[in-house]
């Protein structure tokens, strides 16, 4: 079983990465929505050296931007208070022009994996006026989701293609394609990889919305691994439907003989606490019992205060779960 940690300011120090590999981490993920491969070469080098010291190959997954909407860059952190107004676009929080053009009164916007919820009041003069229904602190480059609609987006951005040109020299072993909508998305990525001499690199299809779920059976044989990305997937449906969606995606993968990964909030509380909740370790057990081939931590290692401890709990819980299931099932 593979265990991945996401690189970020919470863990990009040699001694921390050493500790994560000692705890059993087998690879790292680099989210390219927060910087290019060129900009992260030093970070990649730190992770590679830590893997070598631990005697591991140290797999490197890059997570492309893909057809995803994100808040733009701004200085500091914005506090959006519940029952207040907020402006996106001109003289407000920067967002893609595509979003402004598609916004309509009454539309719901979910920011930062749904932590912040805004209702569109009006659109005009290059901006959106919204009402904050659920507030929070918003950092640059956080995700935006539209549960009630979709916006046509390219499979790969120009930045994605530029990053893929650097992938070979950085030792990338796998490419994660966000918001996979169809087999055509997967085949476009494979075509670009082949063009760039990266045909050997594994393709990880991230299932993050209903369109991806509905298309999965038709594309699953064309990918090396499926990623059940519960963050945005949980924005695409009522949360009480998410466990069944995870189960259904896993079943399709198992029937097709294709491995799958489970990710997002596995140990969310460990961003702030050194010990997980009982529900979180039970979630890891369930993922192992479902048949997941790999598990990944995101914010727990990227920005959390306890990245080494989080990786330790992930690996120890998964291995204890495997032992129990092997003996009793």
C-alpha atoms as a PDB file:
ATOM      1  CA  UNK A   1       0.000   0.000   0.000  1.00  0.00           C
ATOM      2  CA  UNK A   2       1.238   3.507  -0.815  1.00  0.00           C
ATOM      3  CA  UNK A   3       1.106   6.394   1.627  1.00  0.00           C
ATOM      4  CA  UNK A   4       1.474   9.920   0.278  1.00  0.00           C
ATOM      5  CA  UNK A   5       1.995  13.242   1.989  1.00  0.00           C
ATOM      6  CA  UNK A   6       1.338  16.588   0.314  1.00  0.00           C
ATOM      7  CA  UNK A   7       4.278  18.978   0.169  1.00  0.00           C
ATOM      8  CA  UNK A   8       3.831  22.450   1.617  1.00  0.00           C
ATOM      9  CA  UNK A   9       5.186  24.886   4.193  1.00  0.00           C
ATOM     10  CA  UNK A  10       4.214  22.548   7.029  1.00  0.00           C
ATOM     11  CA  UNK A  11       6.688  19.850   6.005  1.00  0.00           C
ATOM     12  CA  UNK A  12       9.343  21.156   3.604  1.00  0.00           C
ATOM     13  CA  UNK A  13      12.247  20.875   6.010  1.00  0.00           C
ATOM     14  CA  UNK A  14      14.736  18.033   5.808  1.00  0.00           C
ATOM     15  CA  UNK A  15      14.200  16.740   9.341  1.00  0.00           C
ATOM     16  CA  UNK A  16      10.406  16.746   8.945  1.00  0.00           C
ATOM     17  CA  UNK A  17      10.517  14.900   5.617  1.00  0.00           C
ATOM     18  CA  UNK A  18      12.991  12.436   7.159  1.00  0.00           C
ATOM     19  CA  UNK A  19      10.485  11.801   9.923  1.00  0.00           C
ATOM     20  CA  UNK A  20       7.600  11.300   7.502  1.00  0.00           C
ATOM     21  CA  UNK A  21       9.590   8.725   5.524  1.00  0.00           C
ATOM     22  CA  UNK A  22      10.634   6.991   8.749  1.00  0.00           C
ATOM     23  CA  UNK A  23       6.962   6.677   9.641  1.00  0.00           C
ATOM     24  CA  UNK A  24       6.327   4.819   6.383  1.00  0.00           C
ATOM     25  CA  UNK A  25       5.524   7.450   3.752  1.00  0.00           C
ATOM     26  CA  UNK A  26       6.195   6.065   0.265  1.00  0.00           C
ATOM     27  CA  UNK A  27       5.783   9.203  -1.851  1.00  0.00           C
ATOM     28  CA  UNK A  28       4.797  12.843  -2.021  1.00  0.00           C
ATOM     29  CA  UNK A  29       2.266  14.953  -3.896  1.00  0.00           C
ATOM     30  CA  UNK A  30       2.981  18.428  -5.227  1.00  0.00           C
ATOM     31  CA  UNK A  31      -0.093  20.584  -5.876  1.00  0.00           C
ATOM     32  CA  UNK A  32       0.723  22.691  -8.936  1.00  0.00           C
ATOM     33  CA  UNK A  33      -2.197  25.024  -8.324  1.00  0.00           C
ATOM     34  CA  UNK A  34       0.142  26.772  -5.879  1.00  0.00           C
ATOM     35  CA  UNK A  35       3.281  27.051  -8.005  1.00  0.00           C
ATOM     36  CA  UNK A  36       5.069  25.598 -11.018  1.00  0.00           C
ATOM     37  CA  UNK A  37       7.505  22.696 -11.128  1.00  0.00           C
ATOM     38  CA  UNK A  38      10.345  25.135 -11.818  1.00  0.00           C
ATOM     39  CA  UNK A  39       9.430  27.148  -8.743  1.00  0.00           C
ATOM     40  CA  UNK A  40       9.357  23.973  -6.628  1.00  0.00           C
ATOM     41  CA  UNK A  41      12.626  22.361  -7.708  1.00  0.00           C
ATOM     42  CA  UNK A  42      14.240  22.972  -4.316  1.00  0.00           C
ATOM     43  CA  UNK A  43      11.250  21.422  -2.555  1.00  0.00           C
ATOM     44  CA  UNK A  44      11.391  18.386  -4.848  1.00  0.00           C
ATOM     45  CA  UNK A  45      15.111  18.043  -4.148  1.00  0.00           C
ATOM     46  CA  UNK A  46      14.495  18.097  -0.383  1.00  0.00           C
ATOM     47  CA  UNK A  47      11.875  15.357  -0.723  1.00  0.00           C
ATOM     48  CA  UNK A  48      14.067  13.235  -3.000  1.00  0.00           C
ATOM     49  CA  UNK A  49      17.048  13.464  -0.648  1.00  0.00           C
ATOM     50  CA  UNK A  50      14.869  12.520   2.323  1.00  0.00           C
ATOM     51  CA  UNK A  51      13.622   9.461   0.435  1.00  0.00           C
ATOM     52  CA  UNK A  52      17.185   8.428  -0.386  1.00  0.00           C
ATOM     53  CA  UNK A  53      18.223   8.743   3.253  1.00  0.00           C
ATOM     54  CA  UNK A  54      15.266   6.527   4.192  1.00  0.00           C
ATOM     55  CA  UNK A  55      16.189   3.966   1.534  1.00  0.00           C
ATOM     56  CA  UNK A  56      12.972   4.536  -0.424  1.00  0.00           C
ATOM     57  CA  UNK A  57      12.353   5.315  -4.085  1.00  0.00           C
ATOM     58  CA  UNK A  58      10.194   8.266  -3.094  1.00  0.00           C
ATOM     59  CA  UNK A  59       7.385   8.477  -5.653  1.00  0.00           C
ATOM     60  CA  UNK A  60       6.526  11.988  -6.865  1.00  0.00           C
ATOM     61  CA  UNK A  61       2.969  12.805  -7.957  1.00  0.00           C
ATOM     62  CA  UNK A  62       2.178  16.162  -9.508  1.00  0.00           C
ATOM     63  CA  UNK A  63      -1.392  17.425  -9.270  1.00  0.00           C
ATOM     64  CA  UNK A  64      -2.161  19.539 -12.341  1.00  0.00           C
ATOM     65  CA  UNK A  65      -4.411  22.596 -12.414  1.00  0.00           C
ATOM     66  CA  UNK A  66      -6.707  21.028 -14.994  1.00  0.00           C
ATOM     67  CA  UNK A  67     -10.321  22.184 -15.433  1.00  0.00           C
ATOM     68  CA  UNK A  68     -10.559  23.725 -11.986  1.00  0.00           C
ATOM     69  CA  UNK A  69     -11.677  27.138 -10.761  1.00  0.00           C
ATOM     70  CA  UNK A  70      -9.596  28.856  -8.080  1.00  0.00           C
ATOM     71  CA  UNK A  71      -9.430  32.166  -6.302  1.00  0.00           C
ATOM     72  CA  UNK A  72      -6.599  34.337  -7.634  1.00  0.00           C
ATOM     73  CA  UNK A  73      -3.596  35.758  -5.807  1.00  0.00           C
ATOM     74  CA  UNK A  74      -3.839  38.469  -3.167  1.00  0.00           C
ATOM     75  CA  UNK A  75      -1.850  39.540  -0.135  1.00  0.00           C
ATOM     76  CA  UNK A  76      -2.591  37.944   3.233  1.00  0.00           C
ATOM     77  CA  UNK A  77      -5.856  36.274   4.239  1.00  0.00           C
ATOM     78  CA  UNK A  78      -9.380  37.605   3.698  1.00  0.00           C
ATOM     79  CA  UNK A  79     -11.942  37.155   6.472  1.00  0.00           C
ATOM     80  CA  UNK A  80     -15.416  36.650   5.051  1.00  0.00           C
ATOM     81  CA  UNK A  81     -17.966  37.124   7.800  1.00  0.00           C
ATOM     82  CA  UNK A  82     -21.337  35.392   7.740  1.00  0.00           C
ATOM     83  CA  UNK A  83     -24.246  37.608   6.685  1.00  0.00           C
ATOM     84  CA  UNK A  84     -21.935  40.167   5.077  1.00  0.00           C
ATOM     85  CA  UNK A  85     -21.392  41.167   1.442  1.00  0.00           C
ATOM     86  CA  UNK A  86     -18.363  40.311  -0.665  1.00  0.00           C
ATOM     87  CA  UNK A  87     -17.161  41.400  -4.094  1.00  0.00           C
ATOM     88  CA  UNK A  88     -15.368  39.065  -6.508  1.00  0.00           C
ATOM     89  CA  UNK A  89     -13.547  40.397  -9.537  1.00  0.00           C
ATOM     90  CA  UNK A  90     -12.997  44.127 -10.168  1.00  0.00           C
ATOM     91  CA  UNK A  91     -11.949  45.854  -6.920  1.00  0.00           C
ATOM     92  CA  UNK A  92     -12.634  42.666  -4.998  1.00  0.00           C
ATOM     93  CA  UNK A  93     -11.278  39.167  -4.496  1.00  0.00           C
ATOM     94  CA  UNK A  94      -9.722  38.029  -7.799  1.00  0.00           C
ATOM     95  CA  UNK A  95     -11.472  35.152  -9.565  1.00  0.00           C
ATOM     96  CA  UNK A  96     -11.349  33.777 -13.143  1.00  0.00           C
ATOM     97  CA  UNK A  97     -13.222  35.786 -15.773  1.00  0.00           C
ATOM     98  CA  UNK A  98     -15.023  32.575 -16.762  1.00  0.00           C
ATOM     99  CA  UNK A  99     -16.675  32.521 -13.342  1.00  0.00           C
ATOM    100  CA  UNK A 100     -17.807  36.144 -13.562  1.00  0.00           C
ATOM    101  CA  UNK A 101     -19.292  35.548 -17.013  1.00  0.00           C
ATOM    102  CA  UNK A 102     -21.172  32.450 -15.830  1.00  0.00           C
ATOM    103  CA  UNK A 103     -22.437  33.805 -12.500  1.00  0.00           C
ATOM    104  CA  UNK A 104     -26.155  34.432 -12.092  1.00  0.00           C
ATOM    105  CA  UNK A 105     -28.243  35.701  -9.161  1.00  0.00           C
ATOM    106  CA  UNK A 106     -29.100  32.897  -6.770  1.00  0.00           C
ATOM    107  CA  UNK A 107     -26.108  30.742  -7.741  1.00  0.00           C
ATOM    108  CA  UNK A 108     -24.157  29.214  -4.849  1.00  0.00           C
ATOM    109  CA  UNK A 109     -20.350  29.421  -4.712  1.00  0.00           C
ATOM    110  CA  UNK A 110     -18.406  27.060  -2.480  1.00  0.00           C
ATOM    111  CA  UNK A 111     -14.891  28.216  -1.583  1.00  0.00           C
ATOM    112  CA  UNK A 112     -11.987  26.246  -0.090  1.00  0.00           C
ATOM    113  CA  UNK A 113     -13.574  22.792  -0.329  1.00  0.00           C
ATOM    114  CA  UNK A 114     -16.917  24.159   0.830  1.00  0.00           C
ATOM    115  CA  UNK A 115     -15.653  25.750   4.043  1.00  0.00           C
ATOM    116  CA  UNK A 116     -17.059  29.104   2.856  1.00  0.00           C
ATOM    117  CA  UNK A 117     -20.446  29.442   1.133  1.00  0.00           C
ATOM    118  CA  UNK A 118     -21.519  32.527  -0.842  1.00  0.00           C
ATOM    119  CA  UNK A 119     -24.793  33.240  -2.668  1.00  0.00           C
ATOM    120  CA  UNK A 120     -24.576  35.418  -5.803  1.00  0.00           C
ATOM    121  CA  UNK A 121     -26.705  38.558  -5.545  1.00  0.00           C
ATOM    122  CA  UNK A 122     -25.802  40.266  -8.809  1.00  0.00           C
ATOM    123  CA  UNK A 123     -23.231  40.491 -11.596  1.00  0.00           C
ATOM    124  CA  UNK A 124     -22.017  43.503 -13.521  1.00  0.00           C
ATOM    125  CA  UNK A 125     -19.031  45.647 -14.534  1.00  0.00           C
ATOM    126  CA  UNK A 126     -16.564  42.767 -14.263  1.00  0.00           C
ATOM    127  CA  UNK A 127     -17.550  41.753 -10.754  1.00  0.00           C
ATOM    128  CA  UNK A 128     -19.845  39.577  -8.692  1.00  0.00           C
ATOM    129  CA  UNK A 129     -21.662  40.810  -5.594  1.00  0.00           C
ATOM    130  CA  UNK A 130     -22.330  38.005  -3.159  1.00  0.00           C
ATOM    131  CA  UNK A 131     -23.875  37.370   0.243  1.00  0.00           C
ATOM    132  CA  UNK A 132     -21.756  35.303   2.655  1.00  0.00           C
ATOM    133  CA  UNK A 133     -23.954  32.538   4.041  1.00  0.00           C
ATOM    134  CA  UNK A 134     -21.141  30.645   5.773  1.00  0.00           C
ATOM    135  CA  UNK A 135     -18.023  32.616   6.602  1.00  0.00           C
ATOM    136  CA  UNK A 136     -14.380  31.815   7.166  1.00  0.00           C
ATOM    137  CA  UNK A 137     -10.833  32.819   6.363  1.00  0.00           C
ATOM    138  CA  UNK A 138      -9.941  32.719   2.661  1.00  0.00           C
ATOM    139  CA  UNK A 139      -6.372  32.322   1.420  1.00  0.00           C
ATOM    140  CA  UNK A 140      -5.145  32.800  -2.172  1.00  0.00           C
ATOM    141  CA  UNK A 141      -5.505  29.983  -4.719  1.00  0.00           C
ATOM    142  CA  UNK A 142      -8.291  28.173  -2.861  1.00  0.00           C
ATOM    143  CA  UNK A 143     -10.838  26.157  -4.832  1.00  0.00           C
ATOM    144  CA  UNK A 144     -14.190  27.405  -6.115  1.00  0.00           C
ATOM    145  CA  UNK A 145     -17.048  25.017  -6.841  1.00  0.00           C
ATOM    146  CA  UNK A 146     -20.490  25.592  -8.364  1.00  0.00           C
ATOM    147  CA  UNK A 147     -22.812  22.804  -7.202  1.00  0.00           C
ATOM    148  CA  UNK A 148     -25.670  24.100  -9.363  1.00  0.00           C
ATOM    149  CA  UNK A 149     -23.816  24.507 -12.651  1.00  0.00           C
ATOM    150  CA  UNK A 150     -20.661  24.020 -14.649  1.00  0.00           C
ATOM    151  CA  UNK A 151     -18.331  26.193 -16.705  1.00  0.00           C
ATOM    152  CA  UNK A 152     -16.633  24.897 -19.878  1.00  0.00           C
ATOM    153  CA  UNK A 153     -12.929  24.511 -19.073  1.00  0.00           C
ATOM    154  CA  UNK A 154      -9.980  23.030 -21.004  1.00  0.00           C
ATOM    155  CA  UNK A 155      -8.618  19.658 -19.903  1.00  0.00           C
ATOM    156  CA  UNK A 156      -5.086  21.040 -19.644  1.00  0.00           C
ATOM    157  CA  UNK A 157      -4.057  24.659 -19.151  1.00  0.00           C
ATOM    158  CA  UNK A 158      -0.991  26.160 -20.799  1.00  0.00           C
ATOM    159  CA  UNK A 159       0.627  26.092 -17.366  1.00  0.00           C
ATOM    160  CA  UNK A 160      -0.127  22.357 -17.135  1.00  0.00           C
ATOM    161  CA  UNK A 161       1.617  21.755 -20.455  1.00  0.00           C
ATOM    162  CA  UNK A 162       4.619  23.817 -19.362  1.00  0.00           C
ATOM    163  CA  UNK A 163       4.814  21.812 -16.128  1.00  0.00           C
ATOM    164  CA  UNK A 164       4.681  18.536 -18.042  1.00  0.00           C
ATOM    165  CA  UNK A 165       7.675  19.726 -20.077  1.00  0.00           C
ATOM    166  CA  UNK A 166       9.634  19.860 -16.808  1.00  0.00           C
ATOM    167  CA  UNK A 167       8.302  16.576 -15.415  1.00  0.00           C
ATOM    168  CA  UNK A 168      11.009  14.242 -16.714  1.00  0.00           C
ATOM    169  CA  UNK A 169      13.864  16.300 -15.302  1.00  0.00           C
ATOM    170  CA  UNK A 170      12.104  16.460 -11.922  1.00  0.00           C
ATOM    171  CA  UNK A 171      11.639  12.698 -11.609  1.00  0.00           C
ATOM    172  CA  UNK A 172       7.840  12.746 -11.724  1.00  0.00           C
ATOM    173  CA  UNK A 173       6.384   9.238 -11.428  1.00  0.00           C
ATOM    174  CA  UNK A 174       2.676  10.052 -11.641  1.00  0.00           C
ATOM    175  CA  UNK A 175       0.367  12.802 -12.911  1.00  0.00           C
ATOM    176  CA  UNK A 176      -2.936  13.558 -11.197  1.00  0.00           C
ATOM    177  CA  UNK A 177      -5.595  14.990 -13.515  1.00  0.00           C
ATOM    178  CA  UNK A 178      -8.250  16.953 -11.585  1.00  0.00           C
ATOM    179  CA  UNK A 179     -11.967  16.979 -12.351  1.00  0.00           C
ATOM    180  CA  UNK A 180     -11.860  14.230 -14.940  1.00  0.00           C
ATOM    181  CA  UNK A 181     -15.091  14.492 -16.920  1.00  0.00           C
ATOM    182  CA  UNK A 182     -14.713  11.874 -19.659  1.00  0.00           C
ATOM    183  CA  UNK A 183     -12.414   9.398 -21.363  1.00  0.00           C
ATOM    184  CA  UNK A 184     -11.436  12.212 -23.735  1.00  0.00           C
ATOM    185  CA  UNK A 185      -9.839  14.102 -20.823  1.00  0.00           C
ATOM    186  CA  UNK A 186      -7.698  11.076 -19.972  1.00  0.00           C
ATOM    187  CA  UNK A 187      -6.686  10.442 -23.563  1.00  0.00           C
ATOM    188  CA  UNK A 188      -5.707  14.088 -24.055  1.00  0.00           C
ATOM    189  CA  UNK A 189      -3.371  13.856 -21.072  1.00  0.00           C
ATOM    190  CA  UNK A 190      -1.906  10.575 -22.325  1.00  0.00           C
ATOM    191  CA  UNK A 191      -1.331  12.148 -25.759  1.00  0.00           C
ATOM    192  CA  UNK A 192       0.567  15.086 -24.247  1.00  0.00           C
ATOM    193  CA  UNK A 193       2.598  12.750 -22.020  1.00  0.00           C
ATOM    194  CA  UNK A 194       3.584  10.655 -25.027  1.00  0.00           C
ATOM    195  CA  UNK A 195       4.561  13.785 -26.974  1.00  0.00           C
ATOM    196  CA  UNK A 196       6.863  14.796 -24.148  1.00  0.00           C
ATOM    197  CA  UNK A 197       8.477  11.377 -23.786  1.00  0.00           C
ATOM    198  CA  UNK A 198       6.548  10.605 -20.591  1.00  0.00           C
ATOM    199  CA  UNK A 199       4.560   7.593 -21.755  1.00  0.00           C
ATOM    200  CA  UNK A 200       5.868   5.627 -18.763  1.00  0.00           C
ATOM    201  CA  UNK A 201       4.448   8.087 -16.220  1.00  0.00           C
ATOM    202  CA  UNK A 202       1.318   6.848 -14.448  1.00  0.00           C
ATOM    203  CA  UNK A 203      -2.004   8.649 -14.887  1.00  0.00           C
ATOM    204  CA  UNK A 204      -4.164   9.239 -11.802  1.00  0.00           C
ATOM    205  CA  UNK A 205      -7.746  10.278 -12.618  1.00  0.00           C
ATOM    206  CA  UNK A 206      -9.304  12.402  -9.891  1.00  0.00           C
ATOM    207  CA  UNK A 207     -13.056  11.883  -9.561  1.00  0.00           C
ATOM    208  CA  UNK A 208     -14.388  15.114  -8.089  1.00  0.00           C
ATOM    209  CA  UNK A 209     -17.892  15.655  -9.469  1.00  0.00           C
ATOM    210  CA  UNK A 210     -20.981  13.828 -10.702  1.00  0.00           C
ATOM    211  CA  UNK A 211     -19.846  14.022 -14.325  1.00  0.00           C
ATOM    212  CA  UNK A 212     -16.695  12.126 -13.448  1.00  0.00           C
ATOM    213  CA  UNK A 213     -18.665   9.538 -11.491  1.00  0.00           C
ATOM    214  CA  UNK A 214     -21.071   8.984 -14.377  1.00  0.00           C
ATOM    215  CA  UNK A 215     -18.191   8.599 -16.860  1.00  0.00           C
ATOM    216  CA  UNK A 216     -15.977   6.396 -14.676  1.00  0.00           C
ATOM    217  CA  UNK A 217     -17.009   3.018 -16.068  1.00  0.00           C
ATOM    218  CA  UNK A 218     -16.080   4.189 -19.562  1.00  0.00           C
ATOM    219  CA  UNK A 219     -12.642   5.531 -18.669  1.00  0.00           C
ATOM    220  CA  UNK A 220     -11.429   3.392 -15.783  1.00  0.00           C
ATOM    221  CA  UNK A 221      -9.481   0.986 -18.017  1.00  0.00           C
ATOM    222  CA  UNK A 222      -7.504   3.922 -19.490  1.00  0.00           C
ATOM    223  CA  UNK A 223      -5.962   5.101 -16.211  1.00  0.00           C
ATOM    224  CA  UNK A 224      -3.379   3.627 -13.877  1.00  0.00           C
ATOM    225  CA  UNK A 225      -5.179   4.645 -10.704  1.00  0.00           C
ATOM    226  CA  UNK A 226      -8.414   6.395  -9.734  1.00  0.00           C
ATOM    227  CA  UNK A 227      -8.417   9.033  -7.003  1.00  0.00           C
ATOM    228  CA  UNK A 228     -11.552   9.412  -4.896  1.00  0.00           C
ATOM    229  CA  UNK A 229     -11.047  13.116  -4.161  1.00  0.00           C
ATOM    230  CA  UNK A 230     -13.581  13.686  -1.417  1.00  0.00           C
ATOM    231  CA  UNK A 231     -13.039  17.444  -1.078  1.00  0.00           C
ATOM    232  CA  UNK A 232     -14.703  18.684  -4.243  1.00  0.00           C
ATOM    233  CA  UNK A 233     -16.715  15.486  -4.595  1.00  0.00           C
ATOM    234  CA  UNK A 234     -18.349  16.456  -1.310  1.00  0.00           C
ATOM    235  CA  UNK A 235     -19.211  19.855  -2.809  1.00  0.00           C
ATOM    236  CA  UNK A 236     -20.974  18.191  -5.733  1.00  0.00           C
ATOM    237  CA  UNK A 237     -23.584  16.451  -3.563  1.00  0.00           C
ATOM    238  CA  UNK A 238     -25.109  16.562  -0.097  1.00  0.00           C
ATOM    239  CA  UNK A 239     -22.445  15.284   2.297  1.00  0.00           C
ATOM    240  CA  UNK A 240     -24.667  12.460   3.501  1.00  0.00           C
ATOM    241  CA  UNK A 241     -24.455  10.994  -0.020  1.00  0.00           C
ATOM    242  CA  UNK A 242     -20.642  11.068  -0.113  1.00  0.00           C
ATOM    243  CA  UNK A 243     -19.956   7.736   1.690  1.00  0.00           C
ATOM    244  CA  UNK A 244     -22.136   5.858  -0.797  1.00  0.00           C
ATOM    245  CA  UNK A 245     -20.442   7.665  -3.696  1.00  0.00           C
ATOM    246  CA  UNK A 246     -17.034   6.603  -2.350  1.00  0.00           C
ATOM    247  CA  UNK A 247     -18.262   3.013  -2.048  1.00  0.00           C
ATOM    248  CA  UNK A 248     -19.659   3.033  -5.583  1.00  0.00           C
ATOM    249  CA  UNK A 249     -16.453   4.441  -7.132  1.00  0.00           C
ATOM    250  CA  UNK A 250     -14.395   1.864  -5.280  1.00  0.00           C
ATOM    251  CA  UNK A 251     -16.652  -0.951  -6.480  1.00  0.00           C
ATOM    252  CA  UNK A 252     -16.317   0.133 -10.135  1.00  0.00           C
ATOM    253  CA  UNK A 253     -12.530   0.203  -9.756  1.00  0.00           C
ATOM    254  CA  UNK A 254     -12.380  -3.221  -8.112  1.00  0.00           C
ATOM    255  CA  UNK A 255     -14.626  -4.747 -10.767  1.00  0.00           C
ATOM    256  CA  UNK A 256     -12.271  -3.347 -13.431  1.00  0.00           C
ATOM    257  CA  UNK A 257      -9.123  -4.431 -11.582  1.00  0.00           C
ATOM    258  CA  UNK A 258      -7.879  -0.832 -11.358  1.00  0.00           C
ATOM    259  CA  UNK A 259      -6.335   0.454  -8.099  1.00  0.00           C
ATOM    260  CA  UNK A 260      -7.814   3.460  -6.324  1.00  0.00           C
ATOM    261  CA  UNK A 261      -6.699   6.067  -3.809  1.00  0.00           C
ATOM    262  CA  UNK A 262      -8.754   7.756  -1.094  1.00  0.00           C
ATOM    263  CA  UNK A 263      -7.888  11.312  -0.144  1.00  0.00           C
ATOM    264  CA  UNK A 264      -9.095  14.405   1.746  1.00  0.00           C
ATOM    265  CA  UNK A 265      -9.595  14.923   5.477  1.00  0.00           C
ATOM    266  CA  UNK A 266      -8.382  11.452   6.446  1.00  0.00           C
ATOM    267  CA  UNK A 267      -6.853  13.044   9.561  1.00  0.00           C
ATOM    268  CA  UNK A 268      -8.157  16.599   9.267  1.00  0.00           C
ATOM    269  CA  UNK A 269      -8.040  17.361  12.994  1.00  0.00           C
ATOM    270  CA  UNK A 270      -4.289  16.684  12.979  1.00  0.00           C
ATOM    271  CA  UNK A 271      -3.698  19.970  11.199  1.00  0.00           C
ATOM    272  CA  UNK A 272      -4.172  21.390  14.709  1.00  0.00           C
ATOM    273  CA  UNK A 273      -3.841  18.458  17.149  1.00  0.00           C
ATOM    274  CA  UNK A 274      -1.166  15.777  17.653  1.00  0.00           C
ATOM    275  CA  UNK A 275      -3.735  12.981  18.058  1.00  0.00           C
ATOM    276  CA  UNK A 276      -6.567  12.113  15.637  1.00  0.00           C
ATOM    277  CA  UNK A 277     -10.217  11.573  16.457  1.00  0.00           C
ATOM    278  CA  UNK A 278     -11.671   8.099  16.800  1.00  0.00           C
ATOM    279  CA  UNK A 279     -13.825   8.783  13.745  1.00  0.00           C
ATOM    280  CA  UNK A 280     -10.743   9.571  11.658  1.00  0.00           C
ATOM    281  CA  UNK A 281      -8.904   6.342  12.417  1.00  0.00           C
ATOM    282  CA  UNK A 282     -12.169   4.490  11.737  1.00  0.00           C
ATOM    283  CA  UNK A 283     -12.296   6.242   8.352  1.00  0.00           C
ATOM    284  CA  UNK A 284      -8.826   4.883   7.552  1.00  0.00           C
ATOM    285  CA  UNK A 285      -9.942   1.377   8.523  1.00  0.00           C
ATOM    286  CA  UNK A 286     -12.950   1.704   6.231  1.00  0.00           C
ATOM    287  CA  UNK A 287     -10.735   2.833   3.324  1.00  0.00           C
ATOM    288  CA  UNK A 288      -8.493  -0.208   3.787  1.00  0.00           C
ATOM    289  CA  UNK A 289     -11.471  -2.540   4.104  1.00  0.00           C
ATOM    290  CA  UNK A 290     -12.933  -1.074   0.923  1.00  0.00           C
ATOM    291  CA  UNK A 291      -9.767  -2.080  -0.914  1.00  0.00           C
ATOM    292  CA  UNK A 292      -7.917   1.210  -1.438  1.00  0.00           C
ATOM    293  CA  UNK A 293      -4.413   0.758  -2.840  1.00  0.00           C
ATOM    294  CA  UNK A 294      -3.145   4.071  -1.511  1.00  0.00           C
ATOM    295  CA  UNK A 295      -4.036   6.808   0.949  1.00  0.00           C
ATOM    296  CA  UNK A 296      -3.007  10.445   0.898  1.00  0.00           C
ATOM    297  CA  UNK A 297      -2.783  13.294   3.380  1.00  0.00           C
ATOM    298  CA  UNK A 298      -3.294  16.836   2.104  1.00  0.00           C
ATOM    299  CA  UNK A 299      -3.544  19.764   4.525  1.00  0.00           C
ATOM    300  CA  UNK A 300      -2.395  17.550   7.392  1.00  0.00           C
ATOM    301  CA  UNK A 301       1.149  17.576   5.993  1.00  0.00           C
ATOM    302  CA  UNK A 302       1.094  20.602   3.673  1.00  0.00           C
ATOM    303  CA  UNK A 303       0.126  23.184   6.305  1.00  0.00           C
ATOM    304  CA  UNK A 304      -0.511  21.201   9.476  1.00  0.00           C
ATOM    305  CA  UNK A 305       1.379  21.514  12.732  1.00  0.00           C
ATOM    306  CA  UNK A 306       1.992  17.746  13.107  1.00  0.00           C
ATOM    307  CA  UNK A 307       2.980  16.280   9.703  1.00  0.00           C
ATOM    308  CA  UNK A 308       5.221  13.529  11.087  1.00  0.00           C
ATOM    309  CA  UNK A 309       2.670  12.437  13.671  1.00  0.00           C
ATOM    310  CA  UNK A 310      -0.116  12.489  11.053  1.00  0.00           C
ATOM    311  CA  UNK A 311       1.858  10.253   8.704  1.00  0.00           C
ATOM    312  CA  UNK A 312       2.597   7.908  11.602  1.00  0.00           C
ATOM    313  CA  UNK A 313      -1.082   7.541  12.468  1.00  0.00           C
ATOM    314  CA  UNK A 314      -2.037   7.044   8.808  1.00  0.00           C
ATOM    315  CA  UNK A 315       0.488   4.269   8.248  1.00  0.00           C
ATOM    316  CA  UNK A 316       0.079   2.525  11.613  1.00  0.00           C
ATOM    317  CA  UNK A 317      -3.719   2.540  11.379  1.00  0.00           C
ATOM    318  CA  UNK A 318      -3.710   1.261   7.796  1.00  0.00           C
ATOM    319  CA  UNK A 319      -1.253  -1.531   8.576  1.00  0.00           C
ATOM    320  CA  UNK A 320      -3.150  -2.587  11.700  1.00  0.00           C
ATOM    321  CA  UNK A 321      -6.317  -2.629   9.605  1.00  0.00           C
ATOM    322  CA  UNK A 322      -4.647  -4.811   6.973  1.00  0.00           C
ATOM    323  CA  UNK A 323      -3.483  -7.263   9.630  1.00  0.00           C
ATOM    324  CA  UNK A 324      -6.957  -7.535  11.126  1.00  0.00           C
ATOM    325  CA  UNK A 325      -8.645  -7.974   7.751  1.00  0.00           C
ATOM    326  CA  UNK A 326      -6.122 -10.604   6.647  1.00  0.00           C
ATOM    327  CA  UNK A 327      -6.756 -12.611   9.795  1.00  0.00           C
ATOM    328  CA  UNK A 328     -10.524 -12.226   9.995  1.00  0.00           C
ATOM    329  CA  UNK A 329     -11.894 -11.828   6.478  1.00  0.00           C
END
